[in-house]
Amino acid sequence: MIDLHRRSFLAGTAALGLATAASAASPMGTARGPVQATWPSLVQNYRYPDWFRDAKLGLWSHWGPQSVPEQGDWYGRFMYMQGHPMYEHHLKTYGHPSVTGMKDLQHRWKGERWDPDALIQRYVRAGAKYFVALACHHDNLDCYDSRYHAWNSTRVGPKRDVVGIWEKAARKAGLRFGVSNHAAHAWHWYQTAYGYDPVGPKKGERYDAFRLRKADGRGQWWDGLDPQELYTGGHAVLPDGIDSIEAMNAWHDKNNGQWIETGPKDDPAYVTRWLLRQTDLIEKYKPDLCYFDDYGLPFGPVGLESAADYYNRSIEWHGKIDVVLTAKQLQPHQRFGLVQDVERGFADRLWDEPWQTDTCIGDWFYNVARLNDRSYKTAEQVMQRLADVVSKNGNLLLSIPQPGDGSIDAEEEKILDGMAGWITVHGEAIFGSRPWRIYGEGPTQLATGMQNEGAAKPFTAQDIRFTTNKGALYALFLAPPTGPITIKSLGTAREGAIERVTLLGGGTVRHRRDAAGLHLDWPREQAAGFVPAVRIDGRGLV
C-alpha cells in the first residue's frame, strides 16, 4: 500500500516538473551516492526501516543550557524581552542582559549530576526502543564535539561531548540512537539579543549580543570565542527609539518572530555553516534517526543536500537506507521521502505510512513549576497517547526534561516507573505491532494537527484502540471499564471467528458476540488499572 501511494506521488511530482531537477554538485563533506538532492529522489529511494516500525516508543533528552534557569521553553529568546517573566527572572537571578547574556547561561550548564548510563537503563525499563539526544537548539550551542562551530559543549559548559556520551550509553543498552537539530532557526530566534530595554533605568542600553566582539573576551571565560558566531549576527536589529514594551513586542513579532525556513539574506554563509555542522554531526555519530525542527526541510536545496547526504551515508553504513529523518508539515510531494513528525498533536485517522508524534511530560526545557504544581503528564496519559498513536501507524517520541545538573526529579521517576509497570504487562500489544483494518472506535474526537494536545478531552472506556501482533488482535481501552463493555467494531458483521479473549495481566474474559458487537464481562478486580488491554484470538480476524 505504501509503494502504491509512493508511485502516485512520484507521478504527481513529475507533472509539477519537480522530477527533472538534477542534483547540484555536492558541497565539500557531503556523501555521494544514488540519492540525489531532490524531493522525487528522496521519495523514490526512501523506505521506512523495520526497526522504526517495530520500536513504537522513543525517549528524548531535550537537554541543554536553557535547562539551567529551570523556567521552561525558549529562555534564550524571552530573557531579552523586557516584560516577559523570563526577562524578570533573569534580571533578578543573573543580572541585566546587557552584561549577563545567554552565553553566560551556557557557561553555567555543567551537568554535574548527569548519569547517562543510569538514565538510559531507566528509560529502557520504561519501554524505550530508541533514544534521541538534543544536538543543538535555537540557542546555537552544539552539544557535541563540533568541528565547524566553536561554541560547543566540549569548550563551553560541561566541557564534554554530550551527544557522544549519550550515544555510547544508548547503544550499549541496545537502543537505536537519534539526534535532534533545531539550529536552522537560531538566526532569527536570537535577534532579541540585539535589542534593548524600551523603558526603565536601563532604557536604550543594548544587550550583550549587540555590544560584544571576539576581542572583548580577552581575559574572560570565553576568551578566544566570538559572541557573534553564537548569536548569529545582527540580521534584524531593532531601531533606536522604541519606548514601550508593547511596541517592542510588536516589532519582534513582525521582524523576527515568524517561523521561517529560509536563511538570512545578508549572510548566506550561515546556511553553509549549518550544512557543514549537520553533515559533521551525522558523520561522527552515525545516528539511526535525525529530527529536524522544520516544516519540510530547511533552506531549500541545502536542506535537500543534507537529507541526501544522510541517506547516502546510511547506504555506506548498512547497504541500504536504514535511518529515519523527520520533519513537520510535509507537503503532498514531500510525503514518503521523510517521516512526518506531528509536534504535540494528534492524528484523526490511520495513516498509510509510519509517522511520529513528539511531546513532553512537561515543558521542553525543564521548568521547576511543573514539579511544584504537579502538572506533568501522568503515566496513564502517556500510555493513552502511546496506544492512540500506535493504532494509527505512528510512534511516540517522549521527552523527559532534565534540569541543568542532568538529573531527573522524583515526580519524573514516578512517571517512568508507572510506564515501566504498564509496559511489563502490555508490551505485546505495542512493540512489533501493526495497525488493524481500523484504528479504533469511541466518542472522543481528536482534532488532527500540531500543538493542540492541550485541547483534547478526557478519554472514556468506550474509546478503544486496535493493534495486531503475531496473528492476534489487541483492543486497548483508553480508560478502564467499570463493568460490562461492548466493542462495537467486532460485531458479527465483521468477518472472522473469535475463539478466546484474554485480559493482559489477567485471565480469560467471558464474551459473547452479536450484531451489536463483542460483549465482554469485565473482571471487577481489574477495574483500577489504567489503559487495560485484551488479546483476541480467533480465525480470519487479522
Protein backbone atom coordinates (compact mmCIF):
# COMPACT_ATOMS: atom_id res chain seq x y z
CA MET A 1 0.00 0.00 0.00
CA ILE A 2 2.83 2.41 0.82
CA ASP A 3 4.56 1.75 -2.50
CA LEU A 4 1.28 2.30 -4.37
CA HIS A 5 0.93 5.73 -2.78
CA ARG A 6 4.62 6.42 -3.41
CA ARG A 7 4.22 5.79 -7.15
CA SER A 8 1.19 8.07 -7.22
CA PHE A 9 3.12 10.90 -5.59
CA LEU A 10 6.11 10.44 -7.91
CA ALA A 11 3.81 10.78 -10.88
CA GLY A 12 2.40 13.96 -9.38
CA THR A 13 5.82 15.50 -8.76
CA ALA A 14 6.87 14.70 -12.32
CA ALA A 15 3.78 16.54 -13.55
CA LEU A 16 4.84 19.55 -11.49
CA GLY A 17 8.26 19.49 -13.09
CA LEU A 18 9.92 18.53 -9.81
CA ALA A 19 11.35 15.26 -11.01
CA THR A 20 13.56 16.77 -13.66
CA ALA A 21 15.91 18.63 -11.35
CA ALA A 22 19.35 17.05 -11.23
CA SER A 23 21.41 17.10 -8.07
CA ALA A 24 23.67 20.09 -7.82
CA ALA A 25 27.32 19.49 -7.15
CA SER A 26 27.57 18.36 -3.54
CA PRO A 27 29.42 20.73 -1.26
CA MET A 28 32.57 19.52 0.42
CA GLY A 29 31.78 16.97 3.10
CA THR A 30 28.51 15.56 1.78
CA ALA A 31 28.34 11.92 0.79
CA ARG A 32 27.87 10.81 -2.80
CA GLY A 33 25.50 8.03 -3.70
CA PRO A 34 22.32 7.10 -5.54
CA VAL A 35 20.12 9.56 -3.62
CA GLN A 36 20.01 12.96 -5.28
CA ALA A 37 19.15 16.25 -3.58
CA THR A 38 15.61 16.43 -4.98
CA TRP A 39 12.27 15.52 -3.47
CA PRO A 40 11.48 12.94 -6.16
CA SER A 41 14.80 11.19 -5.47
CA LEU A 42 14.13 11.15 -1.73
CA VAL A 43 10.67 9.68 -2.32
CA GLN A 44 11.93 7.17 -4.89
CA ASN A 45 14.73 5.85 -2.67
CA TYR A 46 13.36 6.05 0.86
CA ARG A 47 11.95 3.02 2.65
CA TYR A 48 10.69 3.03 6.24
CA PRO A 49 13.03 0.91 8.39
CA ASP A 50 11.53 -2.14 10.06
CA TRP A 51 13.30 -1.24 13.31
CA PHE A 52 11.38 2.05 13.44
CA ARG A 53 8.05 0.41 12.64
CA ASP A 54 8.67 -2.11 15.44
CA ALA A 55 10.04 0.35 18.01
CA LYS A 56 6.91 2.45 18.72
CA LEU A 57 8.38 4.35 21.71
CA GLY A 58 11.42 6.60 21.91
CA LEU A 59 12.60 8.77 24.79
CA TRP A 60 14.28 12.12 24.25
CA SER A 61 16.76 14.13 26.26
CA HIS A 62 15.76 17.66 25.25
CA TRP A 63 18.55 18.95 27.49
CA GLY A 64 20.90 21.87 27.12
CA PRO A 65 21.87 25.25 28.60
CA GLN A 66 18.28 26.54 28.58
CA SER A 67 17.62 23.91 31.27
CA VAL A 68 19.77 25.84 33.74
CA PRO A 69 17.23 28.54 34.78
CA GLU A 70 14.52 25.87 35.21
CA GLN A 71 11.95 28.22 33.68
CA GLY A 72 10.79 26.27 30.64
CA ASP A 73 10.96 26.85 26.90
CA TRP A 74 12.71 29.46 24.77
CA TYR A 75 14.55 31.09 27.64
CA GLY A 76 17.33 32.24 25.33
CA ARG A 77 14.87 34.36 23.35
CA PHE A 78 12.50 35.56 26.05
CA MET A 79 15.20 36.61 28.53
CA TYR A 80 15.89 39.51 26.13
CA MET A 81 12.27 40.71 26.03
CA GLN A 82 11.54 43.19 28.80
CA GLY A 83 8.22 42.48 30.49
CA HIS A 84 8.38 38.74 29.87
CA PRO A 85 8.53 36.57 33.04
CA MET A 86 11.81 35.06 31.86
CA TYR A 87 13.33 38.53 31.49
CA GLU A 88 12.25 39.33 35.04
CA HIS A 89 13.66 36.03 36.32
CA HIS A 90 16.95 36.67 34.53
CA LEU A 91 17.23 40.21 35.88
CA LYS A 92 16.68 39.07 39.47
CA THR A 93 18.76 35.89 39.27
CA TYR A 94 21.67 36.63 36.92
CA GLY A 95 21.70 40.35 36.20
CA HIS A 96 20.84 42.64 33.31
CA PRO A 97 21.11 41.07 29.83
CA SER A 98 23.37 43.88 28.68
CA VAL A 99 26.01 42.28 30.93
CA THR A 100 24.91 38.69 31.60
CA GLY A 101 23.51 37.11 28.46
CA MET A 102 22.66 33.68 27.11
CA LYS A 103 26.35 32.99 26.56
CA ASP A 104 26.77 33.11 30.34
CA LEU A 105 23.90 30.67 30.90
CA GLN A 106 25.71 28.30 28.56
CA HIS A 107 28.78 28.68 30.76
CA ARG A 108 26.65 27.74 33.81
CA TRP A 109 25.44 24.49 32.24
CA LYS A 110 27.61 21.86 33.97
CA GLY A 111 25.62 18.60 34.14
CA GLU A 112 27.27 17.79 37.46
CA ARG A 113 24.63 15.17 38.39
CA TRP A 114 24.26 13.67 34.95
CA ASP A 115 24.45 9.85 34.96
CA PRO A 116 23.68 8.83 31.37
CA ASP A 117 24.03 5.08 31.91
CA ALA A 118 21.60 5.07 34.84
CA LEU A 119 19.11 7.24 32.97
CA ILE A 120 19.28 5.06 29.87
CA GLN A 121 18.63 1.96 31.97
CA ARG A 122 15.59 3.63 33.49
CA TYR A 123 14.35 4.60 30.02
CA VAL A 124 14.79 1.03 28.79
CA ARG A 125 12.65 -0.22 31.68
CA ALA A 126 10.03 2.37 30.73
CA GLY A 127 9.82 0.84 27.24
CA ALA A 128 12.13 2.98 25.11
CA LYS A 129 13.38 1.27 21.97
CA TYR A 130 15.21 4.33 20.69
CA PHE A 131 16.77 7.33 22.37
CA VAL A 132 17.23 10.84 20.98
CA ALA A 133 19.73 13.43 22.22
CA LEU A 134 19.44 17.16 21.63
CA ALA A 135 22.37 18.10 19.40
CA CYS A 136 21.72 21.84 19.00
CA HIS A 137 18.79 24.04 19.91
CA HIS A 138 17.90 27.57 18.78
CA ASP A 139 20.40 28.85 21.38
CA ASN A 140 23.05 27.74 18.88
CA LEU A 141 25.30 25.73 21.21
CA ASP A 142 26.36 22.45 19.65
CA CYS A 143 26.06 19.81 22.39
CA TYR A 144 28.78 17.70 20.80
CA ASP A 145 32.35 17.79 19.56
CA SER A 146 31.58 20.12 16.68
CA ARG A 147 34.20 20.56 14.01
CA TYR A 148 32.69 23.68 12.45
CA HIS A 149 31.25 25.55 15.42
CA ALA A 150 33.49 26.74 18.27
CA TRP A 151 30.52 27.27 20.59
CA ASN A 152 30.11 23.63 21.57
CA SER A 153 29.87 21.61 24.76
CA THR A 154 33.49 20.47 24.66
CA ARG A 155 34.60 24.10 25.11
CA VAL A 156 31.60 25.65 26.89
CA GLY A 157 29.54 24.43 29.83
CA PRO A 158 30.05 20.73 30.64
CA LYS A 159 33.30 20.58 28.63
CA ARG A 160 32.14 17.17 27.45
CA ASP A 161 30.87 15.60 24.23
CA VAL A 162 27.28 15.29 25.45
CA VAL A 163 25.88 13.67 22.30
CA GLY A 164 28.82 11.28 22.08
CA ILE A 165 28.38 10.17 25.68
CA TRP A 166 24.64 9.66 25.20
CA GLU A 167 25.34 7.70 22.02
CA LYS A 168 27.68 5.25 23.75
CA ALA A 169 25.25 4.73 26.65
CA ALA A 170 22.27 4.19 24.35
CA ARG A 171 23.99 1.75 22.02
CA LYS A 172 25.46 -0.18 24.97
CA ALA A 173 21.89 -0.67 26.22
CA GLY A 174 20.78 -1.97 22.81
CA LEU A 175 18.81 1.12 21.80
CA ARG A 176 18.71 2.80 18.44
CA PHE A 177 20.20 6.29 18.71
CA GLY A 178 18.98 9.60 17.33
CA VAL A 179 19.87 13.29 17.37
CA SER A 180 17.78 16.44 17.04
CA ASN A 181 18.92 19.57 15.21
CA HIS A 182 17.00 22.82 15.77
CA ALA A 183 19.74 25.25 14.70
CA ALA A 184 18.21 26.33 11.39
CA HIS A 185 16.07 28.83 13.31
CA ALA A 186 18.76 30.34 15.52
CA TRP A 187 19.46 33.29 13.23
CA HIS A 188 16.01 34.88 13.58
CA TRP A 189 15.13 33.43 17.03
CA TYR A 190 18.16 35.12 18.62
CA GLN A 191 17.57 38.63 17.27
CA THR A 192 16.01 39.74 20.56
CA ALA A 193 19.56 39.58 21.98
CA TYR A 194 20.43 42.60 19.80
CA GLY A 195 17.67 44.70 21.39
CA TYR A 196 17.39 46.87 24.47
CA ASP A 197 15.02 47.84 27.28
CA PRO A 198 12.37 50.23 25.93
CA VAL A 199 11.59 51.52 29.45
CA GLY A 200 13.17 51.74 32.90
CA PRO A 201 16.59 52.64 34.29
CA LYS A 202 18.47 50.78 31.50
CA LYS A 203 16.31 52.24 28.74
CA GLY A 204 18.08 52.11 25.37
CA GLU A 205 21.09 50.18 26.65
CA ARG A 206 21.82 47.45 24.13
CA TYR A 207 22.05 43.82 25.20
CA ASP A 208 25.25 41.79 25.10
CA ALA A 209 24.88 40.38 21.58
CA PHE A 210 24.89 43.89 20.11
CA ARG A 211 27.95 45.05 22.03
CA LEU A 212 30.40 42.16 22.21
CA ARG A 213 33.04 41.01 19.77
CA LYS A 214 35.77 38.39 19.97
CA ALA A 215 38.34 40.86 21.27
CA ASP A 216 36.13 41.66 24.27
CA GLY A 217 36.68 38.15 25.61
CA ARG A 218 40.34 38.71 26.42
CA GLY A 219 40.82 37.56 29.99
CA GLN A 220 37.20 36.33 30.25
CA TRP A 221 35.95 32.74 30.47
CA TRP A 222 35.02 32.95 26.80
CA ASP A 223 38.47 34.12 25.68
CA GLY A 224 39.00 33.04 22.06
CA LEU A 225 35.30 32.68 21.25
CA ASP A 226 33.35 35.15 19.14
CA PRO A 227 29.92 36.08 20.56
CA GLN A 228 28.74 36.99 17.07
CA GLU A 229 29.22 33.39 15.99
CA LEU A 230 26.99 32.30 18.86
CA TYR A 231 24.31 34.99 18.50
CA THR A 232 24.47 34.62 14.66
CA GLY A 233 24.94 38.33 13.84
CA GLY A 234 22.51 41.23 13.75
CA HIS A 235 20.16 40.30 10.89
CA ALA A 236 17.14 42.19 12.22
CA VAL A 237 18.46 44.76 14.67
CA LEU A 238 15.88 46.90 16.40
CA PRO A 239 15.96 50.59 15.52
CA ASP A 240 16.61 53.09 18.29
CA GLY A 241 13.74 54.97 19.87
CA ILE A 242 11.21 52.26 20.71
CA ASP A 243 9.78 53.43 24.03
CA SER A 244 7.18 50.89 25.14
CA ILE A 245 7.14 47.16 25.82
CA GLU A 246 4.07 46.78 23.59
CA ALA A 247 5.82 48.43 20.66
CA MET A 248 8.95 46.37 21.24
CA ASN A 249 6.98 43.12 21.24
CA ALA A 250 5.12 44.15 18.11
CA TRP A 251 8.41 44.88 16.36
CA HIS A 252 9.77 41.45 17.29
CA ASP A 253 6.57 39.73 16.17
CA LYS A 254 6.78 41.38 12.76
CA ASN A 255 10.51 41.19 12.12
CA ASN A 256 11.98 38.14 13.82
CA GLY A 257 9.13 36.21 15.42
CA GLN A 258 7.97 34.28 12.36
CA TRP A 259 8.73 30.57 11.93
CA ILE A 260 10.52 30.50 8.57
CA GLU A 261 12.73 28.02 6.77
CA THR A 262 14.91 30.43 4.81
CA GLY A 263 18.33 31.74 5.77
CA PRO A 264 19.41 35.31 6.48
CA LYS A 265 19.58 37.30 3.25
CA ASP A 266 22.60 39.25 4.47
CA ASP A 267 24.63 36.18 5.47
CA PRO A 268 24.49 33.21 3.05
CA ALA A 269 27.50 31.74 4.85
CA TYR A 270 25.22 30.97 7.81
CA VAL A 271 23.41 28.36 5.71
CA THR A 272 26.68 26.85 4.50
CA ARG A 273 27.90 26.56 8.09
CA TRP A 274 24.62 24.90 9.07
CA LEU A 275 25.14 22.24 6.40
CA LEU A 276 28.72 21.63 7.49
CA ARG A 277 27.62 21.27 11.12
CA GLN A 278 24.80 18.91 10.16
CA THR A 279 26.94 16.61 8.00
CA ASP A 280 29.62 16.62 10.70
CA LEU A 281 27.01 15.54 13.26
CA ILE A 282 25.84 12.70 11.02
CA GLU A 283 29.35 11.55 10.12
CA LYS A 284 30.57 11.50 13.74
CA TYR A 285 27.70 9.71 15.47
CA LYS A 286 26.04 7.69 12.67
CA PRO A 287 22.57 8.25 14.14
CA ASP A 288 19.69 5.94 13.33
CA LEU A 289 17.31 8.91 13.49
CA CYS A 290 17.67 12.62 12.89
CA TYR A 291 14.92 15.02 13.98
CA PHE A 292 14.66 18.35 12.18
CA ASP A 293 12.63 21.07 13.89
CA ASP A 294 11.49 22.32 10.50
CA TYR A 295 8.50 22.44 8.19
CA GLY A 296 9.63 20.32 5.29
CA LEU A 297 13.39 20.83 5.11
CA PRO A 298 15.32 23.99 6.00
CA PHE A 299 16.99 26.25 3.48
CA GLY A 300 15.54 24.81 0.27
CA PRO A 301 18.20 23.00 -1.77
CA VAL A 302 20.62 22.97 1.16
CA GLY A 303 18.14 21.03 3.27
CA LEU A 304 17.76 18.59 0.39
CA GLU A 305 21.55 18.21 0.30
CA SER A 306 21.54 17.32 3.99
CA ALA A 307 18.83 14.68 3.50
CA ALA A 308 20.57 13.12 0.51
CA ASP A 309 23.83 13.11 2.46
CA TYR A 310 22.19 11.25 5.36
CA TYR A 311 20.56 8.64 3.15
CA ASN A 312 23.71 8.06 1.10
CA ARG A 313 25.73 7.66 4.29
CA SER A 314 23.21 5.10 5.53
CA ILE A 315 23.75 3.13 2.33
CA GLU A 316 27.51 3.22 3.06
CA TRP A 317 26.95 2.07 6.67
CA HIS A 318 24.18 -0.50 6.18
CA GLY A 319 23.96 -1.28 2.49
CA LYS A 320 20.54 0.37 2.41
CA ILE A 321 18.65 3.34 3.79
CA ASP A 322 18.00 2.17 7.34
CA VAL A 323 17.60 5.54 9.04
CA VAL A 324 14.78 7.94 9.89
CA LEU A 325 14.77 11.66 9.07
CA THR A 326 11.80 13.54 10.49
CA ALA A 327 10.30 16.90 9.64
CA LYS A 328 6.92 18.58 10.08
CA GLN A 329 4.05 19.81 7.93
CA LEU A 330 5.11 17.86 4.86
CA GLN A 331 3.57 18.91 1.58
CA PRO A 332 1.99 16.27 -0.71
CA HIS A 333 5.08 15.97 -2.92
CA GLN A 334 7.28 15.50 0.19
CA ARG A 335 5.36 12.56 1.67
CA PHE A 336 7.18 9.24 1.64
CA GLY A 337 10.58 10.96 1.36
CA LEU A 338 10.82 11.57 5.12
CA VAL A 339 8.97 10.53 8.25
CA GLN A 340 6.44 13.18 9.22
CA ASP A 341 6.51 14.37 12.81
CA VAL A 342 3.45 15.90 14.50
CA GLU A 343 4.62 18.06 17.40
CA ARG A 344 2.38 17.93 20.48
CA GLY A 345 -0.57 16.95 18.33
CA PHE A 346 -2.91 14.17 17.24
CA ALA A 347 -3.98 12.33 14.12
CA ASP A 348 -7.64 11.63 13.42
CA ARG A 349 -7.06 8.76 11.02
CA LEU A 350 -4.99 5.66 10.30
CA TRP A 351 -2.01 6.77 8.22
CA ASP A 352 -0.77 4.82 5.20
CA GLU A 353 2.86 5.47 6.16
CA PRO A 354 4.68 5.35 9.51
CA TRP A 355 4.84 8.70 11.33
CA GLN A 356 5.80 10.10 14.69
CA THR A 357 4.38 12.43 17.27
CA ASP A 358 6.71 14.12 19.72
CA THR A 359 5.66 15.51 23.06
CA CYS A 360 6.94 16.07 26.57
CA ILE A 361 5.68 15.25 30.03
CA GLY A 362 6.14 18.95 30.86
CA ASP A 363 7.84 21.84 29.08
CA TRP A 364 10.53 21.01 26.55
CA PHE A 365 13.18 22.55 28.77
CA TYR A 366 12.99 21.85 32.46
CA ASN A 367 10.50 24.02 34.36
CA VAL A 368 10.56 23.61 38.12
CA ALA A 369 6.97 24.90 38.26
CA ARG A 370 5.85 21.60 36.71
CA LEU A 371 7.29 19.78 39.70
CA ASN A 372 5.93 22.24 42.25
CA ASP A 373 2.36 22.30 40.91
CA ARG A 374 2.33 18.61 39.86
CA SER A 375 1.37 19.42 36.28
CA TYR A 376 3.40 16.77 34.44
CA LYS A 377 1.58 14.31 32.21
CA THR A 378 0.82 11.18 34.18
CA ALA A 379 1.94 7.68 33.22
CA GLU A 380 -1.69 6.98 32.31
CA GLN A 381 -1.81 9.94 29.93
CA VAL A 382 1.44 8.82 28.31
CA MET A 383 0.13 5.30 27.76
CA GLN A 384 -3.16 6.62 26.39
CA ARG A 385 -1.16 8.64 23.93
CA LEU A 386 1.04 5.69 23.02
CA ALA A 387 -1.94 3.41 22.36
CA ASP A 388 -3.67 6.05 20.22
CA VAL A 389 -0.57 6.82 18.14
CA VAL A 390 0.44 3.19 17.59
CA SER A 391 -3.09 2.26 16.47
CA LYS A 392 -2.72 4.88 13.71
CA ASN A 393 0.64 3.57 12.45
CA GLY A 394 2.71 6.05 14.45
CA ASN A 395 5.49 6.20 17.03
CA LEU A 396 5.66 8.29 20.19
CA LEU A 397 8.83 10.26 20.98
CA LEU A 398 8.56 11.44 24.60
CA SER A 399 10.85 13.96 26.26
CA ILE A 400 11.76 13.69 29.94
CA PRO A 401 13.12 17.16 30.86
CA GLN A 402 16.27 17.45 32.95
CA PRO A 403 17.46 20.47 34.94
CA GLY A 404 20.88 21.84 34.17
CA ASP A 405 22.59 19.41 36.52
CA GLY A 406 21.42 16.50 34.36
CA SER A 407 19.30 14.66 36.92
CA ILE A 408 15.57 13.96 36.80
CA ASP A 409 13.24 14.80 39.66
CA ALA A 410 11.22 12.46 41.89
CA GLU A 411 7.93 13.02 40.04
CA GLU A 412 9.55 12.12 36.71
CA GLU A 413 10.92 8.96 38.29
CA LYS A 414 7.40 8.00 39.38
CA ILE A 415 6.06 8.59 35.87
CA LEU A 416 8.79 6.42 34.34
CA ASP A 417 8.15 3.71 36.92
CA GLY A 418 4.44 3.80 36.06
CA MET A 419 5.28 3.45 32.39
CA ALA A 420 7.59 0.52 33.16
CA GLY A 421 4.87 -1.27 35.09
CA TRP A 422 2.40 -0.87 32.24
CA ILE A 423 4.90 -1.96 29.59
CA THR A 424 5.75 -5.14 31.52
CA VAL A 425 2.14 -6.29 31.20
CA HIS A 426 1.01 -4.74 27.93
CA GLY A 427 4.13 -4.55 25.78
CA GLU A 428 2.99 -7.32 23.43
CA ALA A 429 0.14 -5.08 22.24
CA ILE A 430 2.62 -2.33 21.31
CA PHE A 431 6.11 -3.41 20.31
CA GLY A 432 6.42 -5.03 16.91
CA SER A 433 2.71 -4.48 16.31
CA ARG A 434 0.98 -3.22 13.19
CA PRO A 435 -2.32 -1.37 12.74
CA TRP A 436 -5.55 -3.27 12.22
CA ARG A 437 -8.10 -2.52 9.49
CA ILE A 438 -9.38 0.44 11.54
CA TYR A 439 -7.59 2.30 14.30
CA GLY A 440 -10.39 2.12 16.83
CA GLU A 441 -13.72 3.43 17.97
CA GLY A 442 -15.27 5.68 20.59
CA PRO A 443 -16.93 9.03 21.24
CA THR A 444 -13.86 11.21 21.82
CA GLN A 445 -12.92 13.03 18.62
CA LEU A 446 -9.32 14.17 18.25
CA ALA A 447 -8.55 17.15 16.04
CA THR A 448 -5.64 16.49 13.73
CA GLY A 449 -2.71 18.88 13.72
CA MET A 450 0.19 20.26 15.74
CA GLN A 451 0.28 21.98 19.12
CA ASN A 452 -3.29 21.05 20.03
CA GLU A 453 -2.91 18.39 22.70
CA GLY A 454 -4.00 20.79 25.44
CA ALA A 455 -7.49 20.99 23.92
CA ALA A 456 -8.07 17.22 23.97
CA LYS A 457 -10.98 15.95 26.06
CA PRO A 458 -10.57 13.10 28.57
CA PHE A 459 -10.87 9.62 27.11
CA THR A 460 -13.63 7.21 28.10
CA ALA A 461 -13.83 3.42 28.39
CA GLN A 462 -15.65 3.43 25.04
CA ASP A 463 -12.52 4.91 23.39
CA ILE A 464 -10.82 1.75 22.16
CA ARG A 465 -7.72 1.33 20.00
CA PHE A 466 -6.69 -1.74 17.98
CA THR A 467 -3.31 -3.23 17.13
CA THR A 468 -2.23 -6.59 15.70
CA ASN A 469 0.80 -8.69 16.54
CA LYS A 470 1.78 -12.25 15.58
CA GLY A 471 -1.71 -13.15 14.42
CA ALA A 472 -3.54 -11.75 17.43
CA LEU A 473 -5.81 -8.71 17.64
CA TYR A 474 -5.47 -6.39 20.62
CA ALA A 475 -8.02 -3.93 21.94
CA LEU A 476 -6.72 -1.23 24.30
CA PHE A 477 -9.20 0.70 26.41
CA LEU A 478 -8.03 4.29 26.88
CA ALA A 479 -9.95 4.46 30.15
CA PRO A 480 -10.63 1.39 32.30
CA PRO A 481 -14.11 -0.14 32.05
CA THR A 482 -16.01 -0.40 35.32
CA GLY A 483 -18.44 -3.06 34.15
CA PRO A 484 -19.56 -4.94 31.03
CA ILE A 485 -18.25 -3.31 27.86
CA THR A 486 -19.01 -3.72 24.16
CA ILE A 487 -16.55 -3.42 21.29
CA LYS A 488 -18.92 -2.32 18.55
CA SER A 489 -16.44 -2.83 15.71
CA LEU A 490 -16.34 -6.58 16.39
CA GLY A 491 -19.99 -7.41 15.76
CA THR A 492 -20.96 -10.42 13.68
CA ALA A 493 -20.97 -8.30 10.53
CA ARG A 494 -17.19 -8.22 10.83
CA GLU A 495 -15.61 -11.27 9.20
CA GLY A 496 -13.68 -13.76 11.30
CA ALA A 497 -14.36 -16.01 14.26
CA ILE A 498 -13.47 -15.07 17.85
CA GLU A 499 -12.35 -18.04 19.94
CA ARG A 500 -10.84 -16.51 23.06
CA VAL A 501 -10.47 -13.16 24.80
CA THR A 502 -7.70 -12.73 27.39
CA LEU A 503 -7.07 -9.75 29.64
CA LEU A 504 -3.36 -8.91 29.58
CA GLY A 505 -2.07 -9.43 33.09
CA GLY A 506 -5.26 -11.33 33.94
CA GLY A 507 -7.18 -14.34 32.75
CA THR A 508 -9.79 -15.33 30.22
CA VAL A 509 -12.65 -12.87 29.76
CA ARG A 510 -16.17 -14.19 29.22
CA HIS A 511 -17.60 -12.86 26.00
CA ARG A 512 -20.43 -13.16 23.52
CA ARG A 513 -20.87 -11.74 20.06
CA ASP A 514 -23.87 -10.48 18.16
CA ALA A 515 -24.72 -7.84 15.60
CA ALA A 516 -24.19 -5.09 18.18
CA GLY A 517 -20.58 -6.05 18.88
CA LEU A 518 -18.30 -8.15 21.06
CA HIS A 519 -19.64 -8.04 24.62
CA LEU A 520 -17.13 -8.53 27.44
CA ASP A 521 -17.90 -9.33 31.06
CA TRP A 522 -15.20 -7.12 32.51
CA PRO A 523 -13.47 -8.57 35.59
CA ARG A 524 -14.30 -6.38 38.59
CA GLU A 525 -10.88 -6.80 40.19
CA GLN A 526 -9.21 -5.28 37.10
CA ALA A 527 -11.20 -2.06 37.11
CA ALA A 528 -8.48 0.09 38.75
CA GLY A 529 -5.64 -0.39 36.21
CA PHE A 530 -5.05 2.24 33.51
CA VAL A 531 -5.22 1.58 29.75
CA PRO A 532 -6.06 -2.12 30.10
CA ALA A 533 -5.92 -4.33 27.02
CA VAL A 534 -7.34 -7.62 25.84
CA ARG A 535 -5.89 -10.10 23.39
CA ILE A 536 -8.45 -11.50 20.96
CA ASP A 537 -7.60 -14.82 19.30
CA GLY A 538 -9.56 -16.39 16.51
CA ARG A 539 -9.68 -17.10 12.79
CA GLY A 540 -9.76 -14.54 9.99
CA LEU A 541 -9.57 -11.51 12.27
CA VAL A 542 -6.21 -10.12 11.08
